[in-house]
Amino acid sequence: ENPAQSVAMAGRAGKLYGVQLNDGYGRGEDGLMFGSVHSNMALEMVWWLQKSNFPGHIYFDTFPRNEDPVREAEYNIRKFKTLWNRAKRLSEEGVEEFMEKQDALGAIELLDRV
């Protein structure tokens, strides 16, 4: 599953109400901090949340086994806000133009800049 694709499809259909966020290494439910393993996938998903004018709620579903749970929750919130701002900058810098032209290299270079 590509979370960004799921957000885009559900958002386009007007069926996106809440999003549960975490991260992991594979198909299992690792419950790692949001964006800690797949940061570019997390950024893409946040970008699609913005593109679909997401009106819903964000939930974090992480499992702080060794970490301070309050600190981990604060990290998740901070990470989401950081990605939200980066996604805004991607839009401002014209990421959709690269997508329309299917210019993967241009899009990756833009990711490196923002």
PDB file of N, CA and C in Angstrom:
ATOM      1  N   GLU A   1       0.834  -1.183   0.000  1.00  0.00           N
ATOM      2  CA  GLU A   1       0.000   0.000   0.000  1.00  0.00           C
ATOM      3  C   GLU A   1       0.873   1.238   0.000  1.00  0.00           C
ATOM      4  N   ASN A   2       0.489   2.188  -0.813  1.00  0.00           N
ATOM      5  CA  ASN A   2       1.114   3.499  -0.806  1.00  0.00           C
ATOM      6  C   ASN A   2       0.149   4.447  -0.098  1.00  0.00           C
ATOM      7  N   PRO A   3       0.491   4.905   1.112  1.00  0.00           N
ATOM      8  CA  PRO A   3      -0.438   5.765   1.852  1.00  0.00           C
ATOM      9  C   PRO A   3      -0.851   7.021   1.084  1.00  0.00           C
ATOM     10  N   ALA A   4       0.060   7.609   0.330  1.00  0.00           N
ATOM     11  CA  ALA A   4      -0.276   8.815  -0.424  1.00  0.00           C
ATOM     12  C   ALA A   4      -1.348   8.518  -1.465  1.00  0.00           C
ATOM     13  N   GLN A   5      -1.232   7.378  -2.128  1.00  0.00           N
ATOM     14  CA  GLN A   5      -2.231   7.002  -3.126  1.00  0.00           C
ATOM     15  C   GLN A   5      -3.592   6.788  -2.465  1.00  0.00           C
ATOM     16  N   SER A   6      -3.594   6.160  -1.304  1.00  0.00           N
ATOM     17  CA  SER A   6      -4.846   5.952  -0.578  1.00  0.00           C
ATOM     18  C   SER A   6      -5.476   7.279  -0.180  1.00  0.00           C
ATOM     19  N   VAL A   7      -4.663   8.215   0.303  1.00  0.00           N
ATOM     20  CA  VAL A   7      -5.169   9.541   0.673  1.00  0.00           C
ATOM     21  C   VAL A   7      -5.725  10.250  -0.557  1.00  0.00           C
ATOM     22  N   ALA A   8      -5.005  10.185  -1.671  1.00  0.00           N
ATOM     23  CA  ALA A   8      -5.465  10.841  -2.900  1.00  0.00           C
ATOM     24  C   ALA A   8      -6.806  10.266  -3.352  1.00  0.00           C
ATOM     25  N   MET A   9      -6.927   8.950  -3.339  1.00  0.00           N
ATOM     26  CA  MET A   9      -8.171   8.310  -3.802  1.00  0.00           C
ATOM     27  C   MET A   9      -9.341   8.614  -2.864  1.00  0.00           C
ATOM     28  N   ALA A  10      -9.132   8.463  -1.561  1.00  0.00           N
ATOM     29  CA  ALA A  10     -10.209   8.724  -0.595  1.00  0.00           C
ATOM     30  C   ALA A  10     -10.571  10.205  -0.572  1.00  0.00           C
ATOM     31  N   GLY A  11      -9.559  11.061  -0.674  1.00  0.00           N
ATOM     32  CA  GLY A  11      -9.811  12.497  -0.689  1.00  0.00           C
ATOM     33  C   GLY A  11     -10.597  12.922  -1.916  1.00  0.00           C
ATOM     34  N   ARG A  12     -10.237  12.369  -3.054  1.00  0.00           N
ATOM     35  CA  ARG A  12     -10.939  12.693  -4.302  1.00  0.00           C
ATOM     36  C   ARG A  12     -12.409  12.285  -4.225  1.00  0.00           C
ATOM     37  N   ALA A  13     -12.681  11.183  -3.523  1.00  0.00           N
ATOM     38  CA  ALA A  13     -14.053  10.692  -3.382  1.00  0.00           C
ATOM     39  C   ALA A  13     -14.807  11.371  -2.234  1.00  0.00           C
ATOM     40  N   GLY A  14     -14.129  12.255  -1.504  1.00  0.00           N
ATOM     41  CA  GLY A  14     -14.761  12.922  -0.374  1.00  0.00           C
ATOM     42  C   GLY A  14     -15.010  11.999   0.805  1.00  0.00           C
ATOM     43  N   LYS A  15     -14.186  10.967   0.937  1.00  0.00           N
ATOM     44  CA  LYS A  15     -14.375   9.957   1.981  1.00  0.00           C
ATOM     45  C   LYS A  15     -13.229   9.917   2.978  1.00  0.00           C
ATOM     46  N   LEU A  16     -12.491  10.987   3.112  1.00  0.00           N
ATOM     47  CA  LEU A  16     -11.352  11.022   4.012  1.00  0.00           C
ATOM     48  C   LEU A  16     -11.724  11.832   5.253  1.00  0.00           C
ATOM     49  N   TYR A  17     -11.837  11.151   6.390  1.00  0.00           N
ATOM     50  CA  TYR A  17     -12.319  11.801   7.611  1.00  0.00           C
ATOM     51  C   TYR A  17     -11.266  11.844   8.717  1.00  0.00           C
ATOM     52  N   GLY A  18     -10.439  10.846   8.788  1.00  0.00           N
ATOM     53  CA  GLY A  18      -9.413  10.776   9.806  1.00  0.00           C
ATOM     54  C   GLY A  18      -8.250   9.948   9.293  1.00  0.00           C
ATOM     55  N   VAL A  19      -7.061  10.264   9.747  1.00  0.00           N
ATOM     56  CA  VAL A  19      -5.867   9.568   9.292  1.00  0.00           C
ATOM     57  C   VAL A  19      -5.062   9.129  10.512  1.00  0.00           C
ATOM     58  N   GLN A  20      -4.729   7.858  10.539  1.00  0.00           N
ATOM     59  CA  GLN A  20      -3.921   7.277  11.617  1.00  0.00           C
ATOM     60  C   GLN A  20      -2.495   7.147  11.102  1.00  0.00           C
ATOM     61  N   LEU A  21      -1.555   7.771  11.790  1.00  0.00           N
ATOM     62  CA  LEU A  21      -0.189   7.859  11.282  1.00  0.00           C
ATOM     63  C   LEU A  21       0.802   7.135  12.184  1.00  0.00           C
ATOM     64  N   ASN A  22       1.698   6.431  11.534  1.00  0.00           N
ATOM     65  CA  ASN A  22       2.872   5.841  12.174  1.00  0.00           C
ATOM     66  C   ASN A  22       3.837   5.466  11.060  1.00  0.00           C
ATOM     67  N   ASP A  23       4.825   4.652  11.350  1.00  0.00           N
ATOM     68  CA  ASP A  23       5.776   4.219  10.339  1.00  0.00           C
ATOM     69  C   ASP A  23       6.235   2.816  10.679  1.00  0.00           C
ATOM     70  N   GLY A  24       6.942   2.192   9.760  1.00  0.00           N
ATOM     71  CA  GLY A  24       7.421   0.840   9.991  1.00  0.00           C
ATOM     72  C   GLY A  24       8.313   0.377   8.858  1.00  0.00           C
ATOM     73  N   TYR A  25       8.903  -0.796   9.062  1.00  0.00           N
ATOM     74  CA  TYR A  25       9.855  -1.331   8.085  1.00  0.00           C
ATOM     75  C   TYR A  25       9.224  -2.208   7.013  1.00  0.00           C
ATOM     76  N   GLY A  26       8.072  -2.756   7.269  1.00  0.00           N
ATOM     77  CA  GLY A  26       7.501  -3.675   6.290  1.00  0.00           C
ATOM     78  C   GLY A  26       5.999  -3.749   6.409  1.00  0.00           C
ATOM     79  N   ARG A  27       5.486  -4.925   6.133  1.00  0.00           N
ATOM     80  CA  ARG A  27       4.034  -5.114   6.142  1.00  0.00           C
ATOM     81  C   ARG A  27       3.449  -5.169   7.544  1.00  0.00           C
ATOM     82  N   GLY A  28       4.266  -5.408   8.523  1.00  0.00           N
ATOM     83  CA  GLY A  28       3.775  -5.514   9.897  1.00  0.00           C
ATOM     84  C   GLY A  28       3.468  -4.159  10.501  1.00  0.00           C
ATOM     85  N   GLU A  29       2.831  -4.190  11.623  1.00  0.00           N
ATOM     86  CA  GLU A  29       2.482  -2.982  12.368  1.00  0.00           C
ATOM     87  C   GLU A  29       3.604  -2.683  13.347  1.00  0.00           C
ATOM     88  N   ASP A  30       4.617  -1.932  12.896  1.00  0.00           N
ATOM     89  CA  ASP A  30       5.762  -1.620  13.749  1.00  0.00           C
ATOM     90  C   ASP A  30       5.464  -0.510  14.740  1.00  0.00           C
ATOM     91  N   GLY A  31       4.548   0.387  14.396  1.00  0.00           N
ATOM     92  CA  GLY A  31       4.180   1.467  15.297  1.00  0.00           C
ATOM     93  C   GLY A  31       5.305   2.433  15.605  1.00  0.00           C
ATOM     94  N   LEU A  32       6.153   2.675  14.611  1.00  0.00           N
ATOM     95  CA  LEU A  32       7.267   3.601  14.815  1.00  0.00           C
ATOM     96  C   LEU A  32       6.802   5.046  14.640  1.00  0.00           C
ATOM     97  N   MET A  33       7.612   5.966  15.087  1.00  0.00           N
ATOM     98  CA  MET A  33       7.273   7.379  14.993  1.00  0.00           C
ATOM     99  C   MET A  33       7.049   7.780  13.534  1.00  0.00           C
ATOM    100  N   PHE A  34       6.077   8.652  13.329  1.00  0.00           N
ATOM    101  CA  PHE A  34       5.676   9.069  11.996  1.00  0.00           C
ATOM    102  C   PHE A  34       6.848   9.676  11.228  1.00  0.00           C
ATOM    103  N   GLY A  35       7.076   9.158  10.025  1.00  0.00           N
ATOM    104  CA  GLY A  35       8.131   9.678   9.162  1.00  0.00           C
ATOM    105  C   GLY A  35       9.534   9.292   9.560  1.00  0.00           C
ATOM    106  N   SER A  36       9.678   8.382  10.529  1.00  0.00           N
ATOM    107  CA  SER A  36      11.022   8.033  11.009  1.00  0.00           C
ATOM    108  C   SER A  36      11.753   7.083  10.078  1.00  0.00           C
ATOM    109  N   VAL A  37      11.034   6.324   9.266  1.00  0.00           N
ATOM    110  CA  VAL A  37      11.658   5.381   8.336  1.00  0.00           C
ATOM    111  C   VAL A  37      11.437   5.827   6.888  1.00  0.00           C
ATOM    112  N   HIS A  38      10.233   6.171   6.560  1.00  0.00           N
ATOM    113  CA  HIS A  38       9.864   6.537   5.187  1.00  0.00           C
ATOM    114  C   HIS A  38       9.473   8.016   5.126  1.00  0.00           C
ATOM    115  N   SER A  39      10.447   8.876   5.298  1.00  0.00           N
ATOM    116  CA  SER A  39      10.138  10.310   5.387  1.00  0.00           C
ATOM    117  C   SER A  39       9.604  10.890   4.082  1.00  0.00           C
ATOM    118  N   ASN A  40      10.110  10.456   2.930  1.00  0.00           N
ATOM    119  CA  ASN A  40       9.584  10.982   1.663  1.00  0.00           C
ATOM    120  C   ASN A  40       8.167  10.487   1.399  1.00  0.00           C
ATOM    121  N   MET A  41       7.879   9.242   1.769  1.00  0.00           N
ATOM    122  CA  MET A  41       6.505   8.746   1.626  1.00  0.00           C
ATOM    123  C   MET A  41       5.562   9.516   2.549  1.00  0.00           C
ATOM    124  N   ALA A  42       6.032   9.834   3.751  1.00  0.00           N
ATOM    125  CA  ALA A  42       5.219  10.615   4.692  1.00  0.00           C
ATOM    126  C   ALA A  42       4.964  12.011   4.125  1.00  0.00           C
ATOM    127  N   LEU A  43       5.983  12.618   3.545  1.00  0.00           N
ATOM    128  CA  LEU A  43       5.835  13.942   2.946  1.00  0.00           C
ATOM    129  C   LEU A  43       4.827  13.904   1.794  1.00  0.00           C
ATOM    130  N   GLU A  44       4.925  12.900   0.954  1.00  0.00           N
ATOM    131  CA  GLU A  44       3.986  12.787  -0.167  1.00  0.00           C
ATOM    132  C   GLU A  44       2.555  12.637   0.344  1.00  0.00           C
ATOM    133  N   MET A  45       2.376  11.845   1.391  1.00  0.00           N
ATOM    134  CA  MET A  45       1.044  11.659   1.949  1.00  0.00           C
ATOM    135  C   MET A  45       0.490  12.967   2.505  1.00  0.00           C
ATOM    136  N   VAL A  46       1.324  13.729   3.206  1.00  0.00           N
ATOM    137  CA  VAL A  46       0.903  15.018   3.744  1.00  0.00           C
ATOM    138  C   VAL A  46       0.566  15.982   2.604  1.00  0.00           C
ATOM    139  N   TRP A  47       1.340  15.932   1.526  1.00  0.00           N
ATOM    140  CA  TRP A  47       1.050  16.783   0.362  1.00  0.00           C
ATOM    141  C   TRP A  47      -0.333  16.475  -0.194  1.00  0.00           C
ATOM    142  N   TRP A  48      -0.671  15.176  -0.283  1.00  0.00           N
ATOM    143  CA  TRP A  48      -1.993  14.797  -0.786  1.00  0.00           C
ATOM    144  C   TRP A  48      -3.093  15.181   0.204  1.00  0.00           C
ATOM    145  N   LEU A  49      -2.800  15.187   1.497  1.00  0.00           N
ATOM    146  CA  LEU A  49      -3.782  15.690   2.462  1.00  0.00           C
ATOM    147  C   LEU A  49      -4.104  17.154   2.151  1.00  0.00           C
ATOM    148  N   GLN A  50      -3.073  17.938   1.880  1.00  0.00           N
ATOM    149  CA  GLN A  50      -3.291  19.343   1.544  1.00  0.00           C
ATOM    150  C   GLN A  50      -4.052  19.479   0.239  1.00  0.00           C
ATOM    151  N   LYS A  51      -3.640  18.715  -0.752  1.00  0.00           N
ATOM    152  CA  LYS A  51      -4.266  18.800  -2.076  1.00  0.00           C
ATOM    153  C   LYS A  51      -5.746  18.444  -2.012  1.00  0.00           C
ATOM    154  N   SER A  52      -6.122  17.544  -1.118  1.00  0.00           N
ATOM    155  CA  SER A  52      -7.524  17.139  -1.007  1.00  0.00           C
ATOM    156  C   SER A  52      -8.293  17.992   0.008  1.00  0.00           C
ATOM    157  N   ASN A  53      -7.666  19.074   0.494  1.00  0.00           N
ATOM    158  CA  ASN A  53      -8.304  19.949   1.489  1.00  0.00           C
ATOM    159  C   ASN A  53      -8.834  19.148   2.669  1.00  0.00           C
ATOM    160  N   PHE A  54      -7.982  18.327   3.207  1.00  0.00           N
ATOM    161  CA  PHE A  54      -8.341  17.410   4.293  1.00  0.00           C
ATOM    162  C   PHE A  54      -8.977  18.154   5.469  1.00  0.00           C
ATOM    163  N   PRO A  55     -10.231  17.815   5.781  1.00  0.00           N
ATOM    164  CA  PRO A  55     -10.916  18.499   6.881  1.00  0.00           C
ATOM    165  C   PRO A  55     -10.958  17.688   8.178  1.00  0.00           C
ATOM    166  N   GLY A  56     -10.317  16.542   8.180  1.00  0.00           N
ATOM    167  CA  GLY A  56     -10.500  15.598   9.276  1.00  0.00           C
ATOM    168  C   GLY A  56      -9.501  15.700  10.399  1.00  0.00           C
ATOM    169  N   HIS A  57      -9.310  14.578  11.046  1.00  0.00           N
ATOM    170  CA  HIS A  57      -8.469  14.491  12.234  1.00  0.00           C
ATOM    171  C   HIS A  57      -7.229  13.648  11.961  1.00  0.00           C
ATOM    172  N   ILE A  58      -6.163  13.989  12.661  1.00  0.00           N
ATOM    173  CA  ILE A  58      -4.911  13.248  12.592  1.00  0.00           C
ATOM    174  C   ILE A  58      -4.746  12.499  13.910  1.00  0.00           C
ATOM    175  N   TYR A  59      -4.439  11.212  13.799  1.00  0.00           N
ATOM    176  CA  TYR A  59      -4.176  10.380  14.967  1.00  0.00           C
ATOM    177  C   TYR A  59      -2.790   9.768  14.809  1.00  0.00           C
ATOM    178  N   PHE A  60      -2.071   9.633  15.890  1.00  0.00           N
ATOM    179  CA  PHE A  60      -0.780   8.955  15.856  1.00  0.00           C
ATOM    180  C   PHE A  60      -0.930   7.623  16.565  1.00  0.00           C
ATOM    181  N   ASP A  61      -0.527   6.559  15.897  1.00  0.00           N
ATOM    182  CA  ASP A  61      -0.625   5.212  16.444  1.00  0.00           C
ATOM    183  C   ASP A  61       0.784   4.630  16.531  1.00  0.00           C
ATOM    184  N   THR A  62       1.513   5.078  17.536  1.00  0.00           N
ATOM    185  CA  THR A  62       2.890   4.617  17.711  1.00  0.00           C
ATOM    186  C   THR A  62       3.009   3.895  19.045  1.00  0.00           C
ATOM    187  N   PHE A  63       4.020   3.071  19.146  1.00  0.00           N
ATOM    188  CA  PHE A  63       4.213   2.245  20.333  1.00  0.00           C
ATOM    189  C   PHE A  63       5.537   2.597  21.004  1.00  0.00           C
ATOM    190  N   PRO A  64       5.544   3.518  21.946  1.00  0.00           N
ATOM    191  CA  PRO A  64       6.794   3.903  22.606  1.00  0.00           C
ATOM    192  C   PRO A  64       7.229   2.854  23.633  1.00  0.00           C
ATOM    193  N   ARG A  65       7.951   1.860  23.150  1.00  0.00           N
ATOM    194  CA  ARG A  65       8.394   0.776  24.043  1.00  0.00           C
ATOM    195  C   ARG A  65       9.547   1.212  24.944  1.00  0.00           C
ATOM    196  N   ASN A  66      10.511   1.891  24.365  1.00  0.00           N
ATOM    197  CA  ASN A  66      11.690   2.328  25.113  1.00  0.00           C
ATOM    198  C   ASN A  66      11.739   3.837  25.303  1.00  0.00           C
ATOM    199  N   GLU A  67      10.886   4.555  24.604  1.00  0.00           N
ATOM    200  CA  GLU A  67      10.918   6.006  24.614  1.00  0.00           C
ATOM    201  C   GLU A  67       9.906   6.554  25.634  1.00  0.00           C
ATOM    202  N   ASP A  68      10.147   7.767  26.049  1.00  0.00           N
ATOM    203  CA  ASP A  68       9.183   8.488  26.877  1.00  0.00           C
ATOM    204  C   ASP A  68       7.953   8.752  26.001  1.00  0.00           C
ATOM    205  N   PRO A  69       6.763   8.275  26.378  1.00  0.00           N
ATOM    206  CA  PRO A  69       5.590   8.419  25.513  1.00  0.00           C
ATOM    207  C   PRO A  69       5.189   9.872  25.240  1.00  0.00           C
ATOM    208  N   VAL A  70       5.369  10.742  26.201  1.00  0.00           N
ATOM    209  CA  VAL A  70       5.034  12.153  25.984  1.00  0.00           C
ATOM    210  C   VAL A  70       5.995  12.756  24.959  1.00  0.00           C
ATOM    211  N   ARG A  71       7.254  12.465  25.127  1.00  0.00           N
ATOM    212  CA  ARG A  71       8.265  12.973  24.186  1.00  0.00           C
ATOM    213  C   ARG A  71       8.013  12.432  22.782  1.00  0.00           C
ATOM    214  N   GLU A  72       7.631  11.154  22.682  1.00  0.00           N
ATOM    215  CA  GLU A  72       7.339  10.579  21.370  1.00  0.00           C
ATOM    216  C   GLU A  72       6.111  11.246  20.743  1.00  0.00           C
ATOM    217  N   ALA A  73       5.086  11.502  21.528  1.00  0.00           N
ATOM    218  CA  ALA A  73       3.903  12.193  21.010  1.00  0.00           C
ATOM    219  C   ALA A  73       4.275  13.585  20.518  1.00  0.00           C
ATOM    220  N   GLU A  74       5.094  14.282  21.275  1.00  0.00           N
ATOM    221  CA  GLU A  74       5.541  15.613  20.869  1.00  0.00           C
ATOM    222  C   GLU A  74       6.327  15.556  19.564  1.00  0.00           C
ATOM    223  N   TYR A  75       7.167  14.508  19.429  1.00  0.00           N
ATOM    224  CA  TYR A  75       7.926  14.333  18.190  1.00  0.00           C
ATOM    225  C   TYR A  75       6.978  14.139  17.005  1.00  0.00           C
ATOM    226  N   ASN A  76       5.977  13.272  17.168  1.00  0.00           N
ATOM    227  CA  ASN A  76       5.027  13.008  16.083  1.00  0.00           C
ATOM    228  C   ASN A  76       4.335  14.296  15.637  1.00  0.00           C
ATOM    229  N   ILE A  77       3.909  15.104  16.586  1.00  0.00           N
ATOM    230  CA  ILE A  77       3.244  16.364  16.260  1.00  0.00           C
ATOM    231  C   ILE A  77       4.202  17.299  15.531  1.00  0.00           C
ATOM    232  N   ARG A  78       5.420  17.418  16.059  1.00  0.00           N
ATOM    233  CA  ARG A  78       6.437  18.275  15.445  1.00  0.00           C
ATOM    234  C   ARG A  78       6.758  17.808  14.023  1.00  0.00           C
ATOM    235  N   LYS A  79       6.913  16.506  13.841  1.00  0.00           N
ATOM    236  CA  LYS A  79       7.234  15.948  12.523  1.00  0.00           C
ATOM    237  C   LYS A  79       6.113  16.236  11.534  1.00  0.00           C
ATOM    238  N   PHE A  80       4.869  16.033  11.976  1.00  0.00           N
ATOM    239  CA  PHE A  80       3.744  16.293  11.082  1.00  0.00           C
ATOM    240  C   PHE A  80       3.716  17.763  10.663  1.00  0.00           C
ATOM    241  N   LYS A  81       3.891  18.665  11.610  1.00  0.00           N
ATOM    242  CA  LYS A  81       3.896  20.101  11.286  1.00  0.00           C
ATOM    243  C   LYS A  81       5.034  20.461  10.337  1.00  0.00           C
ATOM    244  N   THR A  82       6.193  19.864  10.555  1.00  0.00           N
ATOM    245  CA  THR A  82       7.332  20.102   9.659  1.00  0.00           C
ATOM    246  C   THR A  82       7.017  19.637   8.246  1.00  0.00           C
ATOM    247  N   LEU A  83       6.454  18.440   8.127  1.00  0.00           N
ATOM    248  CA  LEU A  83       6.102  17.916   6.809  1.00  0.00           C
ATOM    249  C   LEU A  83       4.988  18.731   6.164  1.00  0.00           C
ATOM    250  N   TRP A  84       4.050  19.218   6.968  1.00  0.00           N
ATOM    251  CA  TRP A  84       2.972  20.062   6.443  1.00  0.00           C
ATOM    252  C   TRP A  84       3.569  21.324   5.807  1.00  0.00           C
ATOM    253  N   ASN A  85       4.525  21.931   6.486  1.00  0.00           N
ATOM    254  CA  ASN A  85       5.164  23.135   5.951  1.00  0.00           C
ATOM    255  C   ASN A  85       6.002  22.826   4.713  1.00  0.00           C
ATOM    256  N   ARG A  86       6.696  21.695   4.724  1.00  0.00           N
ATOM    257  CA  ARG A  86       7.472  21.311   3.525  1.00  0.00           C
ATOM    258  C   ARG A  86       6.550  21.052   2.347  1.00  0.00           C
ATOM    259  N   ALA A  87       5.410  20.418   2.594  1.00  0.00           N
ATOM    260  CA  ALA A  87       4.452  20.149   1.525  1.00  0.00           C
ATOM    261  C   ALA A  87       3.929  21.456   0.931  1.00  0.00           C
ATOM    262  N   LYS A  88       3.689  22.446   1.767  1.00  0.00           N
ATOM    263  CA  LYS A  88       3.279  23.764   1.266  1.00  0.00           C
ATOM    264  C   LYS A  88       4.348  24.345   0.354  1.00  0.00           C
ATOM    265  N   ARG A  89       5.598  24.224   0.784  1.00  0.00           N
ATOM    266  CA  ARG A  89       6.701  24.758  -0.025  1.00  0.00           C
ATOM    267  C   ARG A  89       6.821  24.009  -1.355  1.00  0.00           C
ATOM    268  N   LEU A  90       6.579  22.695  -1.338  1.00  0.00           N
ATOM    269  CA  LEU A  90       6.605  21.942  -2.594  1.00  0.00           C
ATOM    270  C   LEU A  90       5.581  22.509  -3.572  1.00  0.00           C
ATOM    271  N   SER A  91       4.392  22.778  -3.075  1.00  0.00           N
ATOM    272  CA  SER A  91       3.355  23.350  -3.940  1.00  0.00           C
ATOM    273  C   SER A  91       3.762  24.729  -4.437  1.00  0.00           C
ATOM    274  N   GLU A  92       4.279  25.547  -3.537  1.00  0.00           N
ATOM    275  CA  GLU A  92       4.702  26.905  -3.910  1.00  0.00           C
ATOM    276  C   GLU A  92       5.827  26.877  -4.944  1.00  0.00           C
ATOM    277  N   GLU A  93       6.691  25.871  -4.858  1.00  0.00           N
ATOM    278  CA  GLU A  93       7.829  25.767  -5.779  1.00  0.00           C
ATOM    279  C   GLU A  93       7.474  25.031  -7.074  1.00  0.00           C
ATOM    280  N   GLY A  94       6.213  24.618  -7.232  1.00  0.00           N
ATOM    281  CA  GLY A  94       5.769  24.058  -8.507  1.00  0.00           C
ATOM    282  C   GLY A  94       5.948  22.564  -8.690  1.00  0.00           C
ATOM    283  N   VAL A  95       5.795  21.784  -7.642  1.00  0.00           N
ATOM    284  CA  VAL A  95       5.963  20.337  -7.772  1.00  0.00           C
ATOM    285  C   VAL A  95       4.992  19.738  -8.788  1.00  0.00           C
ATOM    286  N   GLU A  96       3.813  20.331  -8.908  1.00  0.00           N
ATOM    287  CA  GLU A  96       2.833  19.779  -9.857  1.00  0.00           C
ATOM    288  C   GLU A  96       3.304  19.897 -11.298  1.00  0.00           C
ATOM    289  N   GLU A  97       4.095  20.915 -11.599  1.00  0.00           N
ATOM    290  CA  GLU A  97       4.641  21.043 -12.951  1.00  0.00           C
ATOM    291  C   GLU A  97       5.562  19.869 -13.267  1.00  0.00           C
ATOM    292  N   PHE A  98       6.384  19.487 -12.296  1.00  0.00           N
ATOM    293  CA  PHE A  98       7.265  18.331 -12.502  1.00  0.00           C
ATOM    294  C   PHE A  98       6.442  17.058 -12.674  1.00  0.00           C
ATOM    295  N   MET A  99       5.363  16.951 -11.918  1.00  0.00           N
ATOM    296  CA  MET A  99       4.505  15.776 -12.015  1.00  0.00           C
ATOM    297  C   MET A  99       3.839  15.699 -13.386  1.00  0.00           C
ATOM    298  N   GLU A 100       3.329  16.828 -13.860  1.00  0.00           N
ATOM    299  CA  GLU A 100       2.674  16.855 -15.163  1.00  0.00           C
ATOM    300  C   GLU A 100       3.633  16.484 -16.285  1.00  0.00           C
ATOM    301  N   LYS A 101       4.891  16.921 -16.164  1.00  0.00           N
ATOM    302  CA  LYS A 101       5.907  16.621 -17.186  1.00  0.00           C
ATOM    303  C   LYS A 101       6.548  15.250 -16.970  1.00  0.00           C
ATOM    304  N   GLN A 102       6.164  14.581 -15.866  1.00  0.00           N
ATOM    305  CA  GLN A 102       6.782  13.314 -15.467  1.00  0.00           C
ATOM    306  C   GLN A 102       8.298  13.457 -15.374  1.00  0.00           C
ATOM    307  N   ASP A 103       8.706  14.564 -14.776  1.00  0.00           N
ATOM    308  CA  ASP A 103      10.116  14.885 -14.602  1.00  0.00           C
ATOM    309  C   ASP A 103      10.544  14.443 -13.200  1.00  0.00           C
ATOM    310  N   ALA A 104      10.884  13.174 -13.060  1.00  0.00           N
ATOM    311  CA  ALA A 104      11.250  12.621 -11.755  1.00  0.00           C
ATOM    312  C   ALA A 104      12.499  13.286 -11.188  1.00  0.00           C
ATOM    313  N   LEU A 105      13.487  13.532 -12.022  1.00  0.00           N
ATOM    314  CA  LEU A 105      14.717  14.148 -11.548  1.00  0.00           C
ATOM    315  C   LEU A 105      14.450  15.562 -11.026  1.00  0.00           C
ATOM    316  N   GLY A 106      13.651  16.333 -11.752  1.00  0.00           N
ATOM    317  CA  GLY A 106      13.301  17.674 -11.285  1.00  0.00           C
ATOM    318  C   GLY A 106      12.564  17.635  -9.960  1.00  0.00           C
ATOM    319  N   ALA A 107      11.655  16.671  -9.800  1.00  0.00           N
ATOM    320  CA  ALA A 107      10.908  16.538  -8.552  1.00  0.00           C
ATOM    321  C   ALA A 107      11.833  16.159  -7.402  1.00  0.00           C
ATOM    322  N   ILE A 108      12.763  15.262  -7.649  1.00  0.00           N
ATOM    323  CA  ILE A 108      13.701  14.843  -6.597  1.00  0.00           C
ATOM    324  C   ILE A 108      14.614  16.002  -6.210  1.00  0.00           C
ATOM    325  N   GLU A 109      15.069  16.755  -7.212  1.00  0.00           N
ATOM    326  CA  GLU A 109      15.901  17.916  -6.899  1.00  0.00           C
ATOM    327  C   GLU A 109      15.118  18.949  -6.076  1.00  0.00           C
ATOM    328  N   LEU A 110      13.831  19.106  -6.387  1.00  0.00           N
ATOM    329  CA  LEU A 110      12.991  20.011  -5.602  1.00  0.00           C
ATOM    330  C   LEU A 110      12.864  19.500  -4.162  1.00  0.00           C
ATOM    331  N   LEU A 111      12.674  18.194  -3.992  1.00  0.00           N
ATOM    332  CA  LEU A 111      12.609  17.613  -2.644  1.00  0.00           C
ATOM    333  C   LEU A 111      13.878  17.926  -1.862  1.00  0.00           C
ATOM    334  N   ASP A 112      15.013  17.868  -2.520  1.00  0.00           N
ATOM    335  CA  ASP A 112      16.281  18.165  -1.858  1.00  0.00           C
ATOM    336  C   ASP A 112      16.384  19.626  -1.417  1.00  0.00           C
ATOM    337  N   ARG A 113      15.681  20.513  -2.124  1.00  0.00           N
ATOM    338  CA  ARG A 113      15.769  21.949  -1.833  1.00  0.00           C
ATOM    339  C   ARG A 113      14.833  22.398  -0.714  1.00  0.00           C
ATOM    340  N   VAL A 114      13.709  21.719  -0.563  1.00  0.00           N
ATOM    341  CA  VAL A 114      12.733  22.209   0.434  1.00  0.00           C
ATOM    342  C   VAL A 114      12.840  21.485   1.750  1.00  0.00           C
TER     343      VAL A 114
END
